[in-house]
Amino acid sequence: MRSLAPALLLSLALAAQPDSFRLEGIRHEYQRFNNCGPATLGMAMSFWGSRLTQYQIAPVLKPNRADKNVGPEELAAYARSQGYRVHYGVAGDLELLKQLLAAGFPVIAESGFVVPEHGWMGHYRLLVGYDDRSQRFFAFDSYYGPKVTLGYSDFDAVWSHFNRTYLVVYPPKEAGEVERVLGPHARPEWAWKRALEVALSQTKAEPANVHAWFNLGSALLEQGNVEGAAEAFDKARALGWPWRMLWYQFGPFEAYYRAGRYTEVVRLASANLAKAPDLEESLYWRGRAQAALGNLRLAKTDLQAALRLRPSYGEAAQVLKSLGVQGSR
């Protein structure tokens, strides 16, 4: 018997995908101060039977309670430490999200988020369902509650602020099914190539879109094109990225550092730290730039401060060691 071609199998799977779907059995949790990431991760793991909440997760991920950002890579590392597997992807799309949900996998999405009294910031939501008829996702939101709906178009617009980053947390026994649903999205090199294509297309279609230029910088940096990345980030800066942007995404620091633009790294990081002095990533990059400029005392001070805020910050410890300093003091 001849086997069905992969393209036909995919079309059959899509045809079987329901118009509306919602996952059940997830525990909602309202976040405490700056606990969006830990609370959302706890909700995602609860689907698989975990009883961990932000009260157990946050002390590990953010020993500094005022920490403004827990990155997706930190969430992924914690989930893996609990025995789960995690797909950490970029350049997702709405159809992929619906396919994952219909296959039985809640999805953590990182997106822009505007609170009227506070302005733009980064935020995680747990997507738990969708409805094609009303063109919306259902989400558990640690800030607004368990009954949040997000229109497809509006959600995609704010999701693009973080290069359409998403996390799928699942038990090891589900690995084959997750890989089947992800298809090429399972390969980071493919996803970053896709991110580059999307960003290039969007910057041409919307040349004043600051997030498109920022995403282009991130994708070029991942491809190893440091000068191109720095130029894209320059364009995003000129257009005016949100003032909290570098609380969450650090591509400009890395691109400018690798391009030898150390003074700009110091300037950008210092502007961040003037508004929030406990941003360990800004301290780390400022410390590295100060070291490159020959300001070793200032470099050590910044790197030690970064380690005090996050004792598990391996990169900061490694740079300190290269400078002849062990840990924080």
Protein backbone atom coordinates (compact mmCIF):
# COMPACT_ATOMS: atom_id res chain seq x y z
CA MET A 1 0.00 0.00 0.00
CA ARG A 2 1.37 3.41 -0.95
CA SER A 3 1.84 5.87 1.90
CA LEU A 4 0.28 9.30 1.78
CA ALA A 5 2.56 12.17 0.81
CA PRO A 6 3.55 14.53 3.66
CA ALA A 7 1.75 17.46 2.05
CA LEU A 8 -1.45 15.43 1.84
CA LEU A 9 -1.11 14.28 5.45
CA LEU A 10 -0.70 17.89 6.54
CA SER A 11 -3.74 19.01 4.57
CA LEU A 12 -5.81 16.20 6.09
CA ALA A 13 -4.67 17.20 9.58
CA LEU A 14 -5.60 20.81 8.95
CA ALA A 15 -8.97 19.77 7.57
CA ALA A 16 -9.65 17.87 10.79
CA GLN A 17 -8.73 20.84 12.96
CA PRO A 18 -11.88 22.11 14.70
CA ASP A 19 -13.15 25.65 14.12
CA SER A 20 -13.27 26.19 17.87
CA PHE A 21 -11.33 24.53 20.67
CA ARG A 22 -10.58 25.15 24.33
CA LEU A 23 -8.35 23.29 26.78
CA GLU A 24 -9.71 22.52 30.23
CA GLY A 25 -8.05 21.59 33.51
CA ILE A 26 -5.69 24.56 33.79
CA ARG A 27 -5.38 26.41 37.08
CA HIS A 28 -5.47 30.20 36.79
CA GLU A 29 -3.26 32.31 39.02
CA TYR A 30 -3.14 36.07 39.46
CA GLN A 31 0.39 37.43 39.54
CA ARG A 32 1.99 39.22 42.44
CA PHE A 33 4.42 42.11 41.89
CA ASN A 34 6.48 41.53 38.71
CA ASN A 35 5.57 37.83 38.73
CA CYS A 36 4.04 37.57 35.27
CA GLY A 37 6.57 35.00 34.05
CA PRO A 38 6.55 32.68 37.09
CA ALA A 39 2.75 32.83 37.38
CA THR A 40 2.23 32.04 33.69
CA LEU A 41 4.71 29.18 33.79
CA GLY A 42 2.93 27.76 36.83
CA MET A 43 -0.36 27.87 34.93
CA ALA A 44 1.17 26.10 31.93
CA MET A 45 2.65 23.32 34.07
CA SER A 46 -0.63 22.91 35.96
CA PHE A 47 -2.17 21.48 32.79
CA TRP A 48 0.19 18.53 33.19
CA GLY A 49 -0.56 18.07 36.88
CA SER A 50 2.04 20.33 38.50
CA ARG A 51 1.08 22.02 41.75
CA LEU A 52 3.90 24.56 41.58
CA THR A 53 2.83 28.21 41.70
CA GLN A 54 4.60 31.53 41.49
CA TYR A 55 5.35 31.23 45.20
CA GLN A 56 7.72 28.32 44.53
CA ILE A 57 8.88 29.38 41.07
CA ALA A 58 9.61 33.09 41.57
CA PRO A 59 12.17 32.72 44.41
CA VAL A 60 14.25 30.53 42.09
CA LEU A 61 13.90 32.57 38.91
CA LYS A 62 14.03 36.03 40.50
CA PRO A 63 15.70 36.04 43.92
CA ASN A 64 15.54 39.81 43.60
CA ARG A 65 11.78 40.33 44.05
CA ALA A 66 11.93 43.62 42.13
CA ASP A 67 13.37 41.91 39.04
CA LYS A 68 11.50 43.41 36.08
CA ASN A 69 12.08 40.58 33.64
CA VAL A 70 12.26 36.82 33.61
CA GLY A 71 13.26 35.89 30.08
CA PRO A 72 11.75 33.00 28.11
CA GLU A 73 15.04 31.12 28.31
CA GLU A 74 14.85 31.32 32.12
CA LEU A 75 11.27 30.01 32.11
CA ALA A 76 12.33 27.18 29.81
CA ALA A 77 15.30 26.27 32.02
CA TYR A 78 13.10 26.11 35.11
CA ALA A 79 10.49 23.91 33.43
CA ARG A 80 13.24 21.56 32.25
CA SER A 81 14.58 21.39 35.81
CA GLN A 82 11.15 20.04 36.79
CA GLY A 83 11.34 17.22 34.26
CA TYR A 84 9.43 18.86 31.41
CA ARG A 85 10.57 19.47 27.88
CA VAL A 86 10.17 22.90 26.35
CA HIS A 87 10.06 24.19 22.81
CA TYR A 88 11.24 27.81 22.83
CA GLY A 89 10.43 29.27 19.46
CA VAL A 90 10.41 32.50 17.50
CA ALA A 91 8.61 33.47 14.30
CA GLY A 92 5.46 31.63 15.25
CA ASP A 93 2.21 32.27 13.43
CA LEU A 94 -1.48 32.12 14.23
CA GLU A 95 -2.07 28.81 12.46
CA LEU A 96 0.74 27.16 14.39
CA LEU A 97 -0.75 28.37 17.67
CA LYS A 98 -4.14 26.93 16.74
CA GLN A 99 -2.60 23.63 15.68
CA LEU A 100 -0.74 23.33 19.00
CA LEU A 101 -3.86 24.12 20.98
CA ALA A 102 -6.02 21.69 19.01
CA ALA A 103 -3.38 18.99 19.58
CA GLY A 104 -3.69 19.55 23.33
CA PHE A 105 -0.81 21.88 24.17
CA PRO A 106 -1.26 25.24 25.93
CA VAL A 107 1.11 27.90 24.63
CA ILE A 108 2.91 30.69 26.49
CA ALA A 109 3.18 33.76 24.25
CA GLU A 110 5.38 36.78 24.98
CA SER A 111 3.95 40.03 23.69
CA GLY A 112 3.72 43.75 24.13
CA PHE A 113 1.22 44.93 26.71
CA VAL A 114 -0.09 48.39 27.49
CA VAL A 115 -1.54 49.32 30.87
CA PRO A 116 -2.93 52.87 30.66
CA GLU A 117 -1.37 54.05 33.90
CA HIS A 118 2.02 52.45 33.19
CA GLY A 119 2.46 52.38 29.40
CA TRP A 120 4.13 49.72 27.26
CA MET A 121 5.79 46.69 28.80
CA GLY A 122 6.42 43.02 28.08
CA HIS A 123 3.91 40.40 29.20
CA TYR A 124 3.30 36.66 29.07
CA ARG A 125 -0.10 35.12 28.42
CA LEU A 126 -1.13 31.48 28.37
CA LEU A 127 -3.22 30.68 25.29
CA VAL A 128 -5.78 27.98 26.08
CA GLY A 129 -8.09 27.99 23.06
CA TYR A 130 -9.36 29.70 19.94
CA ASP A 131 -12.51 30.32 17.94
CA ASP A 132 -12.31 30.87 14.20
CA ARG A 133 -15.87 32.12 13.95
CA SER A 134 -15.20 35.09 16.23
CA GLN A 135 -11.52 35.28 15.20
CA ARG A 136 -10.11 35.24 18.71
CA PHE A 137 -7.92 33.34 21.15
CA PHE A 138 -8.88 32.48 24.70
CA ALA A 139 -6.16 33.22 27.25
CA PHE A 140 -5.35 32.93 30.92
CA ASP A 141 -3.81 36.27 31.84
CA SER A 142 -2.03 36.65 35.18
CA TYR A 143 -2.96 40.34 35.22
CA TYR A 144 -6.53 40.41 33.87
CA GLY A 145 -7.81 36.95 34.76
CA PRO A 146 -8.90 33.62 33.21
CA LYS A 147 -11.50 34.92 30.76
CA VAL A 148 -9.41 37.06 28.43
CA THR A 149 -10.14 37.02 24.71
CA LEU A 150 -7.68 38.28 22.11
CA GLY A 151 -8.67 39.07 18.54
CA TYR A 152 -6.37 37.34 16.06
CA SER A 153 -5.23 40.55 14.38
CA ASP A 154 -4.79 42.55 17.58
CA PHE A 155 -2.92 39.72 19.26
CA ASP A 156 -0.59 39.21 16.31
CA ALA A 157 0.26 42.92 16.31
CA VAL A 158 1.46 42.90 19.94
CA TRP A 159 2.98 39.41 19.65
CA SER A 160 5.20 40.79 16.90
CA HIS A 161 6.79 43.12 19.49
CA PHE A 162 8.72 40.06 20.69
CA ASN A 163 9.41 38.42 17.33
CA ARG A 164 6.41 36.15 17.93
CA THR A 165 8.16 34.25 20.71
CA TYR A 166 6.33 31.31 22.27
CA LEU A 167 6.97 28.42 24.66
CA VAL A 168 5.40 24.96 24.67
CA VAL A 169 5.88 23.06 27.95
CA TYR A 170 5.13 19.34 27.82
CA PRO A 171 6.06 15.96 29.38
CA PRO A 172 8.77 13.92 27.61
CA LYS A 173 6.20 11.34 26.46
CA GLU A 174 4.57 14.02 24.27
CA ALA A 175 7.78 14.88 22.40
CA GLY A 176 6.83 13.07 19.21
CA GLU A 177 3.45 14.75 18.98
CA VAL A 178 4.90 18.21 19.64
CA GLU A 179 7.52 17.72 16.92
CA ARG A 180 4.84 16.52 14.52
CA VAL A 181 2.74 19.64 15.08
CA LEU A 182 5.71 22.00 14.96
CA GLY A 183 7.07 20.63 11.70
CA PRO A 184 9.87 22.93 10.49
CA HIS A 185 9.23 25.27 13.43
CA ALA A 186 11.00 22.68 15.60
CA ARG A 187 14.33 23.68 14.00
CA PRO A 188 15.77 26.95 15.43
CA GLU A 189 17.76 27.68 12.28
CA TRP A 190 14.59 27.45 10.17
CA ALA A 191 12.65 29.62 12.63
CA TRP A 192 15.28 32.36 12.64
CA LYS A 193 15.44 32.32 8.85
CA ARG A 194 11.67 32.71 8.85
CA ALA A 195 11.96 35.55 11.39
CA LEU A 196 14.38 37.30 9.04
CA GLU A 197 12.05 36.90 6.06
CA VAL A 198 9.07 38.23 8.02
CA ALA A 199 11.02 41.20 9.36
CA LEU A 200 12.41 42.12 5.94
CA SER A 201 8.94 41.96 4.44
CA GLN A 202 7.44 44.02 7.25
CA THR A 203 10.10 46.74 7.17
CA LYS A 204 9.43 47.18 3.46
CA ALA A 205 5.65 47.25 3.91
CA GLU A 206 5.75 49.37 7.08
CA PRO A 207 9.00 51.36 7.12
CA ALA A 208 7.92 53.31 10.22
CA ASN A 209 7.23 50.16 12.28
CA VAL A 210 9.78 50.27 15.11
CA HIS A 211 9.16 46.66 16.13
CA ALA A 212 9.72 45.37 12.60
CA TRP A 213 13.15 47.03 12.54
CA PHE A 214 13.94 45.71 16.02
CA ASN A 215 12.95 42.19 14.92
CA LEU A 216 15.13 42.58 11.85
CA GLY A 217 18.06 43.48 14.07
CA SER A 218 17.45 40.43 16.27
CA ALA A 219 17.21 38.09 13.28
CA LEU A 220 20.32 39.48 11.59
CA LEU A 221 22.25 39.18 14.84
CA GLU A 222 21.21 35.54 15.13
CA GLN A 223 22.45 35.00 11.56
CA GLY A 224 25.84 36.49 12.49
CA ASN A 225 25.38 39.73 10.53
CA VAL A 226 26.54 42.08 13.28
CA GLU A 227 26.85 45.23 11.17
CA GLY A 228 23.45 44.69 9.58
CA ALA A 229 21.92 44.06 12.99
CA ALA A 230 23.44 47.23 14.41
CA GLU A 231 22.07 49.24 11.47
CA ALA A 232 18.59 47.79 11.96
CA PHE A 233 18.71 48.60 15.67
CA ASP A 234 19.87 52.12 14.80
CA LYS A 235 16.75 52.50 12.67
CA ALA A 236 14.54 51.22 15.49
CA ARG A 237 16.18 53.67 17.90
CA ALA A 238 15.64 56.54 15.50
CA LEU A 239 11.96 55.64 15.21
CA GLY A 240 11.72 55.54 19.00
CA TRP A 241 11.35 52.16 20.63
CA PRO A 242 9.37 52.01 23.92
CA TRP A 243 11.49 53.19 26.83
CA ARG A 244 11.20 49.80 28.55
CA MET A 245 12.24 47.86 25.43
CA LEU A 246 15.71 46.97 26.69
CA TRP A 247 14.32 45.67 29.95
CA TYR A 248 13.26 42.58 27.98
CA GLN A 249 15.31 42.29 24.78
CA PHE A 250 19.05 42.80 24.68
CA GLY A 251 19.99 42.48 21.03
CA PRO A 252 21.12 46.12 20.70
CA PHE A 253 23.57 45.67 23.58
CA GLU A 254 25.10 42.61 21.94
CA ALA A 255 25.13 44.02 18.41
CA TYR A 256 26.75 47.29 19.43
CA TYR A 257 29.24 45.48 21.67
CA ARG A 258 30.25 43.07 18.91
CA ALA A 259 30.50 46.00 16.48
CA GLY A 260 32.93 47.74 18.86
CA ARG A 261 30.48 50.49 19.78
CA TYR A 262 31.23 50.19 23.49
CA THR A 263 30.42 53.77 24.44
CA GLU A 264 26.90 53.37 23.04
CA VAL A 265 26.42 50.20 25.07
CA VAL A 266 27.39 52.12 28.21
CA ARG A 267 25.06 54.97 27.29
CA LEU A 268 22.06 52.73 26.57
CA ALA A 269 22.57 50.59 29.66
CA SER A 270 23.03 53.64 31.86
CA ALA A 271 19.78 55.13 30.57
CA ASN A 272 18.04 51.87 31.48
CA LEU A 273 19.61 51.76 34.93
CA ALA A 274 18.72 55.39 35.66
CA LYS A 275 15.06 54.33 35.59
CA ALA A 276 15.45 50.84 37.05
CA PRO A 277 18.77 50.24 38.85
CA ASP A 278 18.16 46.52 39.36
CA LEU A 279 18.27 45.37 35.72
CA GLU A 280 20.97 42.72 35.83
CA GLU A 281 21.19 42.39 32.04
CA SER A 282 21.92 46.11 31.69
CA LEU A 283 24.56 45.85 34.41
CA TYR A 284 26.10 42.88 32.64
CA TRP A 285 26.35 44.57 29.26
CA ARG A 286 27.56 47.85 30.73
CA GLY A 287 30.18 45.91 32.65
CA ARG A 288 31.38 44.15 29.51
CA ALA A 289 31.54 47.43 27.62
CA GLN A 290 33.43 49.13 30.45
CA ALA A 291 35.94 46.30 30.42
CA ALA A 292 36.40 46.68 26.66
CA LEU A 293 37.00 50.41 27.19
CA GLY A 294 39.65 49.62 29.81
CA ASN A 295 37.56 50.77 32.78
CA LEU A 296 38.16 47.62 34.79
CA ARG A 297 37.08 48.94 38.17
CA LEU A 298 33.72 50.08 36.79
CA ALA A 299 33.37 46.81 34.90
CA LYS A 300 33.91 44.72 38.02
CA THR A 301 31.44 46.83 39.99
CA ASP A 302 28.70 46.33 37.40
CA LEU A 303 29.32 42.62 36.91
CA GLN A 304 29.38 41.96 40.65
CA ALA A 305 26.10 43.86 41.01
CA ALA A 306 24.57 41.74 38.24
CA LEU A 307 25.61 38.58 40.08
CA ARG A 308 24.20 39.79 43.37
CA LEU A 309 20.85 40.34 41.68
CA ARG A 310 20.95 36.96 39.94
CA PRO A 311 23.45 34.56 41.55
CA SER A 312 22.88 32.04 38.73
CA TYR A 313 24.00 34.55 36.07
CA GLY A 314 26.67 32.35 34.52
CA GLU A 315 27.73 34.80 31.82
CA ALA A 316 28.46 37.51 34.38
CA ALA A 317 30.46 35.08 36.52
CA GLN A 318 32.47 33.99 33.48
CA VAL A 319 33.40 37.56 32.52
CA LEU A 320 34.34 38.36 36.11
CA LYS A 321 36.57 35.30 36.19
CA SER A 322 38.28 36.48 33.01
CA LEU A 323 38.96 39.77 34.82
CA GLY A 324 40.50 37.94 37.75
CA VAL A 325 37.52 38.30 40.10
CA GLN A 326 35.58 35.44 41.69
CA GLY A 327 31.85 36.06 42.19
CA SER A 328 30.17 38.98 43.92
CA ARG A 329 31.55 40.97 46.81
